[in-house]
C-alpha atoms as a PDB file:
ATOM      1  CA  MET A   1      -0.867  -2.307  20.094  1.00  0.00           C
ATOM      2  CA  ARG A   2       0.999  -2.253  16.799  1.00  0.00           C
ATOM      3  CA  LYS A   3       2.388  -5.241  14.950  1.00  0.00           C
ATOM      4  CA  THR A   4       4.220  -5.519  11.664  1.00  0.00           C
ATOM      5  CA  ILE A   5       2.747  -7.934   9.152  1.00  0.00           C
ATOM      6  CA  ILE A   6       3.779  -9.061   5.689  1.00  0.00           C
ATOM      7  CA  LEU A   7       1.084  -9.188   3.014  1.00  0.00           C
ATOM      8  CA  GLU A   8       1.307 -10.566  -0.488  1.00  0.00           C
ATOM      9  CA  GLU A   9       1.109  -7.934  -3.218  1.00  0.00           C
ATOM     10  CA  ASP A  10      -2.259  -9.151  -4.544  1.00  0.00           C
ATOM     11  CA  MET A  11      -3.759  -8.903  -1.059  1.00  0.00           C
ATOM     12  CA  VAL A  12      -2.402  -5.365  -0.698  1.00  0.00           C
ATOM     13  CA  GLN A  13      -4.033  -4.449  -4.012  1.00  0.00           C
ATOM     14  CA  GLN A  14      -7.368  -5.965  -2.954  1.00  0.00           C
ATOM     15  CA  VAL A  15      -7.379  -4.068   0.346  1.00  0.00           C
ATOM     16  CA  ASP A  16      -6.373  -0.888  -1.473  1.00  0.00           C
ATOM     17  CA  LEU A  17      -9.334  -1.294  -3.860  1.00  0.00           C
ATOM     18  CA  LEU A  18     -11.654  -1.926  -0.916  1.00  0.00           C
ATOM     19  CA  ALA A  19     -10.333   1.210   0.777  1.00  0.00           C
ATOM     20  CA  LYS A  20     -11.009   3.338  -2.288  1.00  0.00           C
ATOM     21  CA  ALA A  21     -14.460   1.818  -2.857  1.00  0.00           C
ATOM     22  CA  GLU A  22     -15.542   2.478   0.727  1.00  0.00           C
ATOM     23  CA  SER A  23     -13.740   5.820   1.197  1.00  0.00           C
ATOM     24  CA  ARG A  24     -11.502   4.443   3.926  1.00  0.00           C
ATOM     25  CA  ASP A  25      -7.785   4.578   4.454  1.00  0.00           C
ATOM     26  CA  PHE A  26      -5.782   1.401   3.927  1.00  0.00           C
ATOM     27  CA  SER A  27      -5.389   0.574   7.627  1.00  0.00           C
ATOM     28  CA  SER A  28      -9.097   1.034   8.355  1.00  0.00           C
ATOM     29  CA  SER A  29     -10.034  -1.175   5.412  1.00  0.00           C
ATOM     30  CA  LEU A  30      -7.618  -3.867   6.514  1.00  0.00           C
ATOM     31  CA  ARG A  31      -9.007  -3.831  10.068  1.00  0.00           C
ATOM     32  CA  TYR A  32     -12.590  -3.936   8.737  1.00  0.00           C
ATOM     33  CA  ALA A  33     -11.868  -6.846   6.378  1.00  0.00           C
ATOM     34  CA  LEU A  34     -10.067  -8.717   9.153  1.00  0.00           C
ATOM     35  CA  ARG A  35     -12.983  -8.153  11.519  1.00  0.00           C
ATOM     36  CA  ILE A  36     -15.461  -9.520   8.954  1.00  0.00           C
ATOM     37  CA  GLY A  37     -13.173 -12.473   8.261  1.00  0.00           C
ATOM     38  CA  LEU A  38     -12.787 -13.341  11.934  1.00  0.00           C
ATOM     39  CA  LEU A  39     -16.538 -13.072  12.504  1.00  0.00           C
ATOM     40  CA  ALA A  40     -17.118 -15.301   9.462  1.00  0.00           C
ATOM     41  CA  LEU A  41     -14.798 -17.934  10.925  1.00  0.00           C
ATOM     42  CA  GLN A  42     -16.686 -17.796  14.220  1.00  0.00           C
ATOM     43  CA  ASN A  43     -20.089 -17.861  12.475  1.00  0.00           C
ATOM     44  CA  PRO A  44     -19.804 -20.128   9.422  1.00  0.00           C
ATOM     45  CA  GLU A  45     -23.573 -20.139   8.923  1.00  0.00           C
ATOM     46  CA  LEU A  46     -23.489 -16.426   7.998  1.00  0.00           C
ATOM     47  CA  THR A  47     -22.278 -14.939   4.727  1.00  0.00           C
ATOM     48  CA  ALA A  48     -19.819 -12.071   4.658  1.00  0.00           C
ATOM     49  CA  GLY A  49     -22.652  -9.889   3.336  1.00  0.00           C
ATOM     50  CA  GLU A  50     -24.853 -10.768   6.296  1.00  0.00           C
ATOM     51  CA  ILE A  51     -22.028  -9.997   8.712  1.00  0.00           C
ATOM     52  CA  LYS A  52     -21.385  -6.663   6.992  1.00  0.00           C
ATOM     53  CA  ALA A  53     -25.110  -5.796   7.221  1.00  0.00           C
ATOM     54  CA  MET A  54     -25.110  -6.634  10.942  1.00  0.00           C
ATOM     55  CA  LEU A  55     -22.067  -4.450  11.571  1.00  0.00           C
ATOM     56  CA  GLU A  56     -23.704  -1.582   9.676  1.00  0.00           C
ATOM     57  CA  ALA A  57     -26.954  -2.010  11.638  1.00  0.00           C
ATOM     58  CA  LYS A  58     -24.986  -1.997  14.898  1.00  0.00           C
ATOM     59  CA  ALA A  59     -23.230   1.222  13.885  1.00  0.00           C
ATOM     60  CA  GLU A  60     -26.561   2.839  12.960  1.00  0.00           C
ATOM     61  CA  ARG A  61     -28.067   1.810  16.308  1.00  0.00           C
ATOM     62  CA  GLU A  62     -25.073   3.160  18.220  1.00  0.00           C
ATOM     63  CA  ALA A  63     -25.338   6.434  16.276  1.00  0.00           C
ATOM     64  CA  GLY A  64     -29.054   6.689  17.139  1.00  0.00           C
ATOM     65  CA  HIS A  65     -30.224   6.459  13.518  1.00  0.00           C
ATOM     66  CA  LEU A  66     -32.859   3.790  14.056  1.00  0.00           C
ATOM     67  CA  THR A  67     -36.554   4.233  14.573  1.00  0.00           C
ATOM     68  CA  GLU A  68     -38.954   1.813  16.185  1.00  0.00           C
ATOM     69  CA  LEU A  69     -40.836  -0.484  13.815  1.00  0.00           C
ATOM     70  CA  ARG A  70     -44.571  -0.435  14.463  1.00  0.00           C
ATOM     71  CA  LEU A  71     -46.815  -3.122  13.016  1.00  0.00           C
ATOM     72  CA  GLU A  72     -49.459  -0.585  12.038  1.00  0.00           C
ATOM     73  CA  ASP A  73     -46.898   1.134   9.784  1.00  0.00           C
ATOM     74  CA  LEU A  74     -46.431  -2.016   7.673  1.00  0.00           C
END
């Protein structure tokens, strides 16, 4: 579904900087930032950094890039 939204110029600039920093297009960066923001509202005990780390770990797991942690390897 597509919706039209109005953003303030400073917010557009911030999302544009985020997009460039993370090698994303503007729309992808906006969706990502919105997702983190919504998750932060639903989980106020977590920081945005913690939420971002969890999303990255989920993506790595789904891509099959995780290995099992064995206690003897610690």
